[in-house]
Amino acid sequence: MARGAPWPSCPPIRRAKHSRVGVPCHRASRQRSSERSSPDGPASYSLPNLAVNAYSSRASDFIKIADAVRKVLRRNGARKLPIWFTEFTAPAAKGRVTVPVYQRRFITTDAQMAKVVKATYPAFATKGRRLGIQRAYWYTWASTYQKGHPLGFFEFAGLRRFTGGPPSDRPAVSAYRRVARKYAG
């Protein structure tokens, strides 16, 4: 691959057997293992991690997703590659905006979103070690909680509400603070 050429796209992550969970993914960062490109083909690349974006209304699904990703990595010779959840969320948009049928399975209420936060971080901290989860970031710290924005139901994913004035806490921020204090490293 010549300099300036686009990076290879992320291989599709297939569903794990008996899982209803699909996994969109992207590569968080890439490091070139060689500065040379061969006329015969692309130079090899070393990935320091695999980034995953995941959405669900159930905390258990995030571990299922990590397990499915780990199985694919093992099958493809990357069994030790760390997994980073660069974005995971359960937007509290239920009853607030119209959501397409195929996306309704990860839409929650404020109370459900708090439960997802409360259960997912401890699961990542315990079961996630075996799966190689190194990092997990909630999407998003703050959002408007207003209809009509281009992000649609993701406008209801924030741990805090921010519309230009002082931010206000949503119910899930308390759960986040508790797990952050417990698992901060």
N, C-alpha and C. Protein backbone atom coordinates (compact mmCIF):
# COMPACT_ATOMS: atom_id res chain seq x y z
N MET A 1 0.86 -1.17 0.00
CA MET A 1 0.00 0.00 0.00
C MET A 1 0.90 1.22 0.00
N ALA A 2 0.71 2.09 -0.93
CA ALA A 2 1.53 3.29 -1.05
C ALA A 2 1.18 4.30 0.02
N ARG A 3 2.14 5.17 0.31
CA ARG A 3 1.88 6.24 1.27
C ARG A 3 0.66 7.05 0.84
N GLY A 4 -0.16 7.40 1.81
CA GLY A 4 -1.34 8.19 1.51
C GLY A 4 -2.52 7.36 1.04
N ALA A 5 -2.30 6.06 0.82
CA ALA A 5 -3.41 5.21 0.39
C ALA A 5 -4.34 4.98 1.58
N PRO A 6 -5.60 4.74 1.34
CA PRO A 6 -6.53 4.52 2.45
C PRO A 6 -6.17 3.25 3.21
N TRP A 7 -6.47 3.25 4.48
CA TRP A 7 -6.24 2.07 5.30
C TRP A 7 -7.24 0.99 4.91
N PRO A 8 -6.89 -0.26 5.11
CA PRO A 8 -7.84 -1.33 4.83
C PRO A 8 -9.07 -1.17 5.73
N SER A 9 -10.21 -1.56 5.22
CA SER A 9 -11.41 -1.43 6.03
C SER A 9 -11.45 -2.53 7.08
N CYS A 10 -12.26 -2.31 8.08
CA CYS A 10 -12.39 -3.28 9.17
C CYS A 10 -13.09 -4.53 8.65
N PRO A 11 -12.55 -5.70 8.95
CA PRO A 11 -13.25 -6.91 8.52
C PRO A 11 -14.58 -7.02 9.25
N PRO A 12 -15.56 -7.62 8.62
CA PRO A 12 -16.85 -7.72 9.30
C PRO A 12 -16.75 -8.63 10.52
N ILE A 13 -17.42 -8.26 11.57
CA ILE A 13 -17.47 -9.09 12.76
C ILE A 13 -18.78 -9.85 12.69
N ARG A 14 -18.68 -11.15 12.63
CA ARG A 14 -19.88 -11.96 12.49
C ARG A 14 -20.51 -12.20 13.86
N ARG A 15 -21.77 -12.54 13.84
CA ARG A 15 -22.46 -12.83 15.08
C ARG A 15 -21.95 -14.14 15.65
N ALA A 16 -21.80 -14.17 16.96
CA ALA A 16 -21.41 -15.41 17.61
C ALA A 16 -22.58 -16.39 17.52
N LYS A 17 -22.27 -17.65 17.52
CA LYS A 17 -23.31 -18.67 17.45
C LYS A 17 -24.30 -18.47 18.60
N HIS A 18 -25.56 -18.55 18.34
CA HIS A 18 -26.65 -18.38 19.30
C HIS A 18 -26.74 -16.97 19.87
N SER A 19 -26.17 -15.97 19.21
CA SER A 19 -26.24 -14.60 19.69
C SER A 19 -27.11 -13.76 18.77
N ARG A 20 -27.90 -12.88 19.33
CA ARG A 20 -28.71 -11.96 18.54
C ARG A 20 -27.99 -10.63 18.37
N VAL A 21 -26.77 -10.56 18.83
CA VAL A 21 -26.06 -9.29 18.87
C VAL A 21 -25.07 -9.18 17.72
N GLY A 22 -25.22 -8.15 16.91
CA GLY A 22 -24.25 -7.85 15.87
C GLY A 22 -23.27 -6.81 16.39
N VAL A 23 -22.12 -6.71 15.78
CA VAL A 23 -21.08 -5.82 16.30
C VAL A 23 -20.52 -4.93 15.21
N PRO A 24 -20.85 -3.63 15.25
CA PRO A 24 -20.13 -2.72 14.35
C PRO A 24 -18.75 -2.44 14.96
N CYS A 25 -17.74 -2.29 14.16
CA CYS A 25 -16.43 -2.04 14.74
C CYS A 25 -15.61 -1.13 13.85
N HIS A 26 -14.54 -0.62 14.40
CA HIS A 26 -13.56 0.13 13.64
C HIS A 26 -12.22 -0.02 14.34
N ARG A 27 -11.18 0.28 13.65
CA ARG A 27 -9.86 0.20 14.25
C ARG A 27 -9.53 1.54 14.88
N ALA A 28 -9.26 1.52 16.17
CA ALA A 28 -9.04 2.77 16.90
C ALA A 28 -7.75 3.44 16.46
N SER A 29 -6.73 2.68 16.30
CA SER A 29 -5.47 3.26 15.88
C SER A 29 -4.64 2.19 15.18
N ARG A 30 -3.75 2.63 14.37
CA ARG A 30 -2.92 1.70 13.62
C ARG A 30 -1.48 2.15 13.71
N GLN A 31 -0.59 1.19 13.77
CA GLN A 31 0.82 1.50 13.76
C GLN A 31 1.44 0.71 12.62
N ARG A 32 2.18 1.39 11.83
CA ARG A 32 2.84 0.73 10.72
C ARG A 32 4.03 -0.06 11.24
N SER A 33 4.09 -1.34 10.92
CA SER A 33 5.21 -2.14 11.40
C SER A 33 6.41 -2.00 10.47
N SER A 34 6.21 -1.42 9.30
CA SER A 34 7.30 -1.22 8.36
C SER A 34 7.00 0.04 7.56
N GLU A 35 8.00 0.84 7.32
CA GLU A 35 7.79 2.03 6.51
C GLU A 35 7.87 1.70 5.02
N ARG A 36 8.23 0.46 4.70
CA ARG A 36 8.37 0.09 3.29
C ARG A 36 7.08 -0.48 2.73
N SER A 37 6.80 -0.16 1.51
CA SER A 37 5.73 -0.81 0.77
C SER A 37 6.37 -1.58 -0.36
N SER A 38 5.89 -2.76 -0.57
CA SER A 38 6.43 -3.60 -1.62
C SER A 38 5.59 -3.43 -2.87
N PRO A 39 6.21 -3.49 -4.06
CA PRO A 39 5.41 -3.46 -5.28
C PRO A 39 4.49 -4.67 -5.37
N ASP A 40 4.80 -5.71 -4.58
CA ASP A 40 3.99 -6.93 -4.62
C ASP A 40 2.74 -6.84 -3.75
N GLY A 41 2.65 -5.86 -2.88
CA GLY A 41 1.48 -5.78 -2.00
C GLY A 41 1.71 -4.80 -0.88
N PRO A 42 0.74 -4.69 0.01
CA PRO A 42 0.83 -3.71 1.10
C PRO A 42 1.85 -4.11 2.16
N ALA A 43 2.37 -3.11 2.84
CA ALA A 43 3.22 -3.35 3.99
C ALA A 43 2.33 -3.90 5.10
N SER A 44 2.93 -4.58 6.07
CA SER A 44 2.12 -5.12 7.14
C SER A 44 1.85 -4.03 8.19
N TYR A 45 0.76 -4.18 8.91
CA TYR A 45 0.38 -3.23 9.93
C TYR A 45 0.16 -3.97 11.24
N SER A 46 0.51 -3.31 12.31
CA SER A 46 0.31 -3.87 13.64
C SER A 46 -0.75 -3.02 14.33
N LEU A 47 -1.79 -3.66 14.82
CA LEU A 47 -2.84 -2.93 15.52
C LEU A 47 -2.60 -3.04 17.02
N PRO A 48 -2.55 -1.91 17.72
CA PRO A 48 -2.35 -1.99 19.17
C PRO A 48 -3.63 -2.38 19.91
N ASN A 49 -4.79 -2.23 19.26
CA ASN A 49 -6.06 -2.57 19.89
C ASN A 49 -7.15 -2.64 18.82
N LEU A 50 -8.28 -3.20 19.22
CA LEU A 50 -9.45 -3.19 18.34
C LEU A 50 -10.54 -2.40 19.05
N ALA A 51 -11.06 -1.37 18.40
CA ALA A 51 -12.10 -0.54 18.97
C ALA A 51 -13.47 -1.07 18.58
N VAL A 52 -14.38 -1.07 19.53
CA VAL A 52 -15.74 -1.55 19.31
C VAL A 52 -16.72 -0.48 19.75
N ASN A 53 -17.72 -0.23 18.94
CA ASN A 53 -18.86 0.61 19.30
C ASN A 53 -20.04 -0.33 19.47
N ALA A 54 -20.70 -0.26 20.62
CA ALA A 54 -21.78 -1.20 20.89
C ALA A 54 -22.96 -0.49 21.53
N TYR A 55 -24.15 -0.99 21.23
CA TYR A 55 -25.38 -0.37 21.71
C TYR A 55 -26.33 -1.47 22.15
N SER A 56 -26.86 -1.35 23.36
CA SER A 56 -27.82 -2.33 23.85
C SER A 56 -28.57 -1.78 25.05
N SER A 57 -29.73 -2.32 25.30
CA SER A 57 -30.50 -1.94 26.48
C SER A 57 -30.23 -2.89 27.64
N ARG A 58 -29.36 -3.88 27.41
CA ARG A 58 -29.03 -4.85 28.46
C ARG A 58 -27.52 -4.91 28.66
N ALA A 59 -27.11 -4.79 29.91
CA ALA A 59 -25.69 -4.82 30.24
C ALA A 59 -25.04 -6.14 29.80
N SER A 60 -25.76 -7.24 29.93
CA SER A 60 -25.20 -8.54 29.57
C SER A 60 -24.81 -8.62 28.10
N ASP A 61 -25.48 -7.85 27.25
CA ASP A 61 -25.15 -7.87 25.83
C ASP A 61 -23.73 -7.37 25.54
N PHE A 62 -23.25 -6.43 26.35
CA PHE A 62 -21.91 -5.90 26.09
C PHE A 62 -20.83 -6.96 26.32
N ILE A 63 -21.04 -7.83 27.29
CA ILE A 63 -20.11 -8.95 27.49
C ILE A 63 -20.26 -9.96 26.36
N LYS A 64 -21.49 -10.20 25.90
CA LYS A 64 -21.70 -11.09 24.75
C LYS A 64 -21.00 -10.53 23.50
N ILE A 65 -21.08 -9.25 23.33
CA ILE A 65 -20.40 -8.61 22.19
C ILE A 65 -18.90 -8.80 22.31
N ALA A 66 -18.36 -8.54 23.49
CA ALA A 66 -16.91 -8.71 23.70
C ALA A 66 -16.50 -10.17 23.45
N ASP A 67 -17.32 -11.10 23.90
CA ASP A 67 -17.04 -12.51 23.68
C ASP A 67 -17.04 -12.85 22.19
N ALA A 68 -18.02 -12.31 21.45
CA ALA A 68 -18.09 -12.54 20.01
C ALA A 68 -16.87 -11.95 19.30
N VAL A 69 -16.48 -10.76 19.70
CA VAL A 69 -15.30 -10.12 19.11
C VAL A 69 -14.06 -10.94 19.42
N ARG A 70 -13.92 -11.38 20.68
CA ARG A 70 -12.73 -12.17 21.07
C ARG A 70 -12.67 -13.45 20.26
N LYS A 71 -13.80 -14.11 20.01
CA LYS A 71 -13.81 -15.35 19.20
C LYS A 71 -13.31 -15.08 17.79
N VAL A 72 -13.74 -13.99 17.20
CA VAL A 72 -13.29 -13.63 15.86
C VAL A 72 -11.80 -13.32 15.87
N LEU A 73 -11.33 -12.61 16.87
CA LEU A 73 -9.90 -12.30 16.96
C LEU A 73 -9.07 -13.58 17.09
N ARG A 74 -9.53 -14.50 17.93
CA ARG A 74 -8.81 -15.77 18.09
C ARG A 74 -8.74 -16.53 16.77
N ARG A 75 -9.88 -16.59 16.08
CA ARG A 75 -9.93 -17.30 14.79
C ARG A 75 -8.99 -16.69 13.77
N ASN A 76 -8.71 -15.40 13.92
CA ASN A 76 -7.89 -14.69 12.94
C ASN A 76 -6.48 -14.39 13.44
N GLY A 77 -6.03 -15.11 14.46
CA GLY A 77 -4.66 -15.00 14.91
C GLY A 77 -4.34 -13.77 15.75
N ALA A 78 -5.33 -13.15 16.33
CA ALA A 78 -5.08 -11.96 17.15
C ALA A 78 -5.65 -12.17 18.55
N ARG A 79 -5.34 -13.31 19.13
CA ARG A 79 -5.97 -13.67 20.40
C ARG A 79 -5.60 -12.75 21.56
N LYS A 80 -4.47 -12.06 21.48
CA LYS A 80 -4.06 -11.18 22.57
C LYS A 80 -4.34 -9.70 22.30
N LEU A 81 -4.92 -9.40 21.17
CA LEU A 81 -5.20 -8.00 20.83
C LEU A 81 -6.21 -7.42 21.83
N PRO A 82 -5.85 -6.31 22.50
CA PRO A 82 -6.77 -5.71 23.46
C PRO A 82 -8.02 -5.15 22.78
N ILE A 83 -9.13 -5.23 23.49
CA ILE A 83 -10.40 -4.67 23.02
C ILE A 83 -10.67 -3.38 23.79
N TRP A 84 -11.01 -2.35 23.05
CA TRP A 84 -11.42 -1.09 23.65
C TRP A 84 -12.86 -0.82 23.23
N PHE A 85 -13.75 -0.65 24.18
CA PHE A 85 -15.09 -0.18 23.88
C PHE A 85 -14.97 1.35 23.83
N THR A 86 -14.72 1.87 22.64
CA THR A 86 -14.53 3.31 22.49
C THR A 86 -15.85 4.05 22.55
N GLU A 87 -16.93 3.30 22.47
CA GLU A 87 -18.26 3.89 22.55
C GLU A 87 -19.23 2.77 22.87
N PHE A 88 -19.89 2.87 24.01
CA PHE A 88 -21.02 1.98 24.28
C PHE A 88 -22.10 2.81 24.96
N THR A 89 -23.34 2.47 24.69
CA THR A 89 -24.42 3.29 25.22
C THR A 89 -25.76 2.58 25.15
N ALA A 90 -26.71 3.15 25.86
CA ALA A 90 -28.11 2.70 25.87
C ALA A 90 -28.96 3.96 25.97
N PRO A 91 -29.19 4.66 24.86
CA PRO A 91 -29.88 5.96 24.91
C PRO A 91 -31.25 5.90 25.59
N ALA A 92 -31.52 6.89 26.44
CA ALA A 92 -32.79 6.98 27.15
C ALA A 92 -33.82 7.72 26.30
N ALA A 93 -34.07 7.22 25.12
CA ALA A 93 -34.94 7.88 24.16
C ALA A 93 -36.34 7.27 24.07
N LYS A 94 -36.59 6.21 24.85
CA LYS A 94 -37.89 5.53 24.78
C LYS A 94 -39.00 6.52 25.12
N GLY A 95 -39.96 6.65 24.20
CA GLY A 95 -41.09 7.55 24.40
C GLY A 95 -40.80 9.00 24.08
N ARG A 96 -39.56 9.30 23.68
CA ARG A 96 -39.19 10.69 23.41
C ARG A 96 -39.10 10.99 21.92
N VAL A 97 -38.64 10.02 21.15
CA VAL A 97 -38.50 10.19 19.71
C VAL A 97 -38.90 8.90 19.03
N THR A 98 -39.20 9.00 17.75
CA THR A 98 -39.52 7.81 16.96
C THR A 98 -38.22 7.11 16.60
N VAL A 99 -38.19 5.82 16.85
CA VAL A 99 -36.99 5.02 16.61
C VAL A 99 -37.34 3.91 15.63
N PRO A 100 -36.51 3.70 14.60
CA PRO A 100 -36.77 2.60 13.67
C PRO A 100 -36.86 1.26 14.41
N VAL A 101 -37.70 0.38 13.94
CA VAL A 101 -37.93 -0.91 14.59
C VAL A 101 -36.62 -1.66 14.85
N TYR A 102 -35.73 -1.69 13.88
CA TYR A 102 -34.51 -2.47 14.03
C TYR A 102 -33.54 -1.89 15.06
N GLN A 103 -33.79 -0.68 15.55
CA GLN A 103 -32.91 -0.08 16.56
C GLN A 103 -33.57 0.01 17.94
N ARG A 104 -34.78 -0.41 18.05
CA ARG A 104 -35.50 -0.28 19.32
C ARG A 104 -34.92 -1.15 20.42
N ARG A 105 -34.21 -2.20 20.07
CA ARG A 105 -33.70 -3.10 21.10
C ARG A 105 -32.64 -2.46 21.99
N PHE A 106 -32.08 -1.33 21.58
CA PHE A 106 -31.11 -0.70 22.48
C PHE A 106 -31.55 0.65 23.00
N ILE A 107 -32.83 0.97 22.89
CA ILE A 107 -33.39 2.21 23.42
C ILE A 107 -33.95 1.93 24.81
N THR A 108 -33.69 2.84 25.75
CA THR A 108 -34.09 2.65 27.13
C THR A 108 -34.84 3.87 27.66
N THR A 109 -35.20 3.79 28.93
CA THR A 109 -35.70 4.92 29.69
C THR A 109 -34.54 5.43 30.55
N ASP A 110 -34.75 6.54 31.25
CA ASP A 110 -33.71 7.05 32.15
C ASP A 110 -33.32 6.01 33.21
N ALA A 111 -34.32 5.37 33.80
CA ALA A 111 -34.05 4.37 34.85
C ALA A 111 -33.30 3.16 34.28
N GLN A 112 -33.70 2.71 33.09
CA GLN A 112 -33.01 1.57 32.47
C GLN A 112 -31.56 1.93 32.13
N MET A 113 -31.35 3.14 31.62
CA MET A 113 -29.99 3.55 31.28
C MET A 113 -29.10 3.54 32.52
N ALA A 114 -29.62 4.01 33.65
CA ALA A 114 -28.85 3.98 34.90
C ALA A 114 -28.50 2.55 35.29
N LYS A 115 -29.44 1.62 35.10
CA LYS A 115 -29.17 0.21 35.42
C LYS A 115 -28.10 -0.37 34.50
N VAL A 116 -28.13 0.02 33.23
CA VAL A 116 -27.12 -0.46 32.28
C VAL A 116 -25.73 0.04 32.70
N VAL A 117 -25.63 1.31 33.05
CA VAL A 117 -24.35 1.87 33.50
C VAL A 117 -23.88 1.13 34.75
N LYS A 118 -24.78 0.98 35.71
CA LYS A 118 -24.44 0.35 36.99
C LYS A 118 -23.96 -1.09 36.83
N ALA A 119 -24.52 -1.82 35.88
CA ALA A 119 -24.17 -3.24 35.69
C ALA A 119 -23.03 -3.46 34.70
N THR A 120 -22.88 -2.59 33.71
CA THR A 120 -21.89 -2.84 32.65
C THR A 120 -20.47 -2.61 33.10
N TYR A 121 -20.20 -1.52 33.77
CA TYR A 121 -18.82 -1.26 34.20
C TYR A 121 -18.28 -2.35 35.13
N PRO A 122 -19.03 -2.81 36.14
CA PRO A 122 -18.52 -3.94 36.94
C PRO A 122 -18.30 -5.20 36.10
N ALA A 123 -19.18 -5.45 35.12
CA ALA A 123 -18.99 -6.62 34.25
C ALA A 123 -17.71 -6.48 33.44
N PHE A 124 -17.45 -5.27 32.92
CA PHE A 124 -16.20 -5.05 32.19
C PHE A 124 -15.00 -5.25 33.12
N ALA A 125 -15.10 -4.78 34.36
CA ALA A 125 -13.98 -4.87 35.29
C ALA A 125 -13.70 -6.30 35.74
N THR A 126 -14.70 -7.15 35.73
CA THR A 126 -14.51 -8.53 36.18
C THR A 126 -14.41 -9.50 35.00
N LYS A 127 -15.51 -9.74 34.32
CA LYS A 127 -15.53 -10.67 33.19
C LYS A 127 -14.71 -10.15 32.02
N GLY A 128 -14.61 -8.86 31.91
CA GLY A 128 -13.89 -8.25 30.80
C GLY A 128 -12.41 -8.54 30.79
N ARG A 129 -11.84 -8.80 31.95
CA ARG A 129 -10.40 -9.12 32.01
C ARG A 129 -10.08 -10.37 31.20
N ARG A 130 -10.92 -11.38 31.36
CA ARG A 130 -10.72 -12.65 30.64
C ARG A 130 -10.86 -12.44 29.13
N LEU A 131 -11.67 -11.47 28.74
CA LEU A 131 -11.91 -11.19 27.32
C LEU A 131 -10.93 -10.18 26.74
N GLY A 132 -10.08 -9.63 27.57
CA GLY A 132 -9.09 -8.67 27.08
C GLY A 132 -9.63 -7.26 26.88
N ILE A 133 -10.68 -6.89 27.61
CA ILE A 133 -11.19 -5.53 27.51
C ILE A 133 -10.30 -4.63 28.35
N GLN A 134 -9.65 -3.68 27.71
CA GLN A 134 -8.75 -2.78 28.42
C GLN A 134 -9.41 -1.46 28.78
N ARG A 135 -10.32 -0.98 27.95
CA ARG A 135 -10.95 0.32 28.16
C ARG A 135 -12.40 0.28 27.74
N ALA A 136 -13.19 1.15 28.40
CA ALA A 136 -14.61 1.26 28.04
C ALA A 136 -15.07 2.69 28.31
N TYR A 137 -15.63 3.30 27.29
CA TYR A 137 -16.07 4.69 27.37
C TYR A 137 -17.56 4.79 27.06
N TRP A 138 -18.30 5.38 27.99
CA TRP A 138 -19.73 5.60 27.77
C TRP A 138 -19.90 6.69 26.72
N TYR A 139 -20.85 6.50 25.83
CA TYR A 139 -21.21 7.55 24.88
C TYR A 139 -22.56 8.09 25.34
N THR A 140 -22.58 9.23 25.80
CA THR A 140 -21.68 10.36 25.82
C THR A 140 -21.78 11.02 27.19
N TRP A 141 -20.83 11.88 27.50
CA TRP A 141 -20.86 12.56 28.79
C TRP A 141 -22.07 13.50 28.88
N ALA A 142 -22.32 14.25 27.83
CA ALA A 142 -23.44 15.21 27.85
C ALA A 142 -24.12 15.26 26.49
N SER A 143 -25.43 15.39 26.53
CA SER A 143 -26.21 15.58 25.31
C SER A 143 -27.40 16.49 25.64
N THR A 144 -28.11 16.92 24.61
CA THR A 144 -29.14 17.95 24.81
C THR A 144 -30.46 17.44 25.38
N TYR A 145 -30.78 16.17 25.16
CA TYR A 145 -32.09 15.64 25.55
C TYR A 145 -33.22 16.45 24.91
N GLN A 146 -32.99 16.83 23.67
CA GLN A 146 -34.00 17.57 22.91
C GLN A 146 -34.27 16.87 21.59
N LYS A 147 -35.51 16.88 21.17
CA LYS A 147 -35.90 16.31 19.88
C LYS A 147 -35.40 17.21 18.76
N GLY A 148 -35.26 16.62 17.58
CA GLY A 148 -34.98 17.41 16.39
C GLY A 148 -33.52 17.63 16.07
N HIS A 149 -32.62 17.05 16.84
CA HIS A 149 -31.20 17.20 16.55
C HIS A 149 -30.76 16.10 15.59
N PRO A 150 -29.70 16.35 14.83
CA PRO A 150 -29.27 15.37 13.83
C PRO A 150 -28.85 14.02 14.41
N LEU A 151 -28.49 13.97 15.67
CA LEU A 151 -28.08 12.70 16.27
C LEU A 151 -29.27 11.83 16.64
N GLY A 152 -30.48 12.35 16.49
CA GLY A 152 -31.68 11.54 16.76
C GLY A 152 -31.70 11.02 18.18
N PHE A 153 -31.91 9.71 18.33
CA PHE A 153 -32.03 9.14 19.67
C PHE A 153 -30.73 9.20 20.45
N PHE A 154 -29.59 9.39 19.80
CA PHE A 154 -28.34 9.54 20.54
C PHE A 154 -28.28 10.85 21.32
N GLU A 155 -29.19 11.78 21.02
CA GLU A 155 -29.28 13.02 21.82
C GLU A 155 -29.78 12.72 23.23
N PHE A 156 -30.17 11.48 23.49
CA PHE A 156 -30.67 11.09 24.80
C PHE A 156 -29.74 10.08 25.47
N ALA A 157 -28.46 10.11 25.11
CA ALA A 157 -27.48 9.15 25.63
C ALA A 157 -26.57 9.74 26.69
N GLY A 158 -26.64 11.03 26.92
CA GLY A 158 -25.72 11.68 27.85
C GLY A 158 -25.97 11.34 29.31
N LEU A 159 -24.88 11.31 30.06
CA LEU A 159 -24.99 11.15 31.51
C LEU A 159 -25.44 12.47 32.14
N ARG A 160 -25.23 13.55 31.40
CA ARG A 160 -25.66 14.88 31.82
C ARG A 160 -26.39 15.55 30.66
N ARG A 161 -27.23 16.50 30.98
CA ARG A 161 -27.93 17.28 29.96
C ARG A 161 -27.24 18.63 29.85
N PHE A 162 -26.95 19.01 28.61
CA PHE A 162 -26.29 20.29 28.38
C PHE A 162 -26.94 20.97 27.18
N THR A 163 -27.46 22.17 27.42
CA THR A 163 -28.10 22.92 26.34
C THR A 163 -27.55 24.34 26.23
N GLY A 164 -26.38 24.58 26.79
CA GLY A 164 -25.76 25.90 26.69
C GLY A 164 -25.58 26.56 28.04
N GLY A 165 -26.44 26.26 28.99
CA GLY A 165 -26.30 26.80 30.34
C GLY A 165 -25.56 25.81 31.21
N PRO A 166 -25.75 25.89 32.51
CA PRO A 166 -25.10 24.90 33.39
C PRO A 166 -25.65 23.50 33.10
N PRO A 167 -24.78 22.50 33.05
CA PRO A 167 -25.26 21.13 32.80
C PRO A 167 -26.06 20.61 33.99
N SER A 168 -26.97 19.70 33.71
CA SER A 168 -27.74 19.06 34.79
C SER A 168 -27.54 17.55 34.70
N ASP A 169 -27.51 16.93 35.87
CA ASP A 169 -27.30 15.48 35.93
C ASP A 169 -28.56 14.73 35.50
N ARG A 170 -28.35 13.64 34.78
CA ARG A 170 -29.41 12.69 34.45
C ARG A 170 -29.30 11.55 35.46
N PRO A 171 -30.31 10.70 35.60
CA PRO A 171 -30.25 9.63 36.59
C PRO A 171 -29.02 8.72 36.46
N ALA A 172 -28.54 8.48 35.27
CA ALA A 172 -27.41 7.55 35.08
C ALA A 172 -26.08 8.10 35.59
N VAL A 173 -25.96 9.41 35.78
CA VAL A 173 -24.67 9.96 36.21
C VAL A 173 -24.33 9.50 37.63
N SER A 174 -25.31 9.32 38.49
CA SER A 174 -25.04 8.82 39.85
C SER A 174 -24.46 7.42 39.80
N ALA A 175 -25.06 6.58 38.96
CA ALA A 175 -24.55 5.21 38.80
C ALA A 175 -23.13 5.24 38.26
N TYR A 176 -22.88 6.10 37.29
CA TYR A 176 -21.54 6.23 36.71
C TYR A 176 -20.53 6.65 37.78
N ARG A 177 -20.88 7.64 38.58
CA ARG A 177 -19.95 8.10 39.62
C ARG A 177 -19.63 6.99 40.61
N ARG A 178 -20.64 6.21 41.00
CA ARG A 178 -20.40 5.12 41.94
C ARG A 178 -19.44 4.08 41.37
N VAL A 179 -19.69 3.65 40.13
CA VAL A 179 -18.80 2.62 39.57
C VAL A 179 -17.43 3.21 39.25
N ALA A 180 -17.36 4.47 38.88
CA ALA A 180 -16.07 5.08 38.60
C ALA A 180 -15.22 5.15 39.86
N ARG A 181 -15.83 5.48 40.98
CA ARG A 181 -15.08 5.51 42.26
C ARG A 181 -14.59 4.11 42.64
N LYS A 182 -15.44 3.13 42.40
CA LYS A 182 -15.08 1.77 42.79
C LYS A 182 -13.99 1.17 41.91
N TYR A 183 -14.05 1.43 40.59
CA TYR A 183 -13.16 0.76 39.66
C TYR A 183 -12.06 1.64 39.07
N ALA A 184 -11.99 2.90 39.50
CA ALA A 184 -10.95 3.79 38.96
C ALA A 184 -9.58 3.20 39.26
N GLY A 185 -8.72 3.26 38.28
CA GLY A 185 -7.40 2.66 38.47
C GLY A 185 -6.34 3.57 38.23
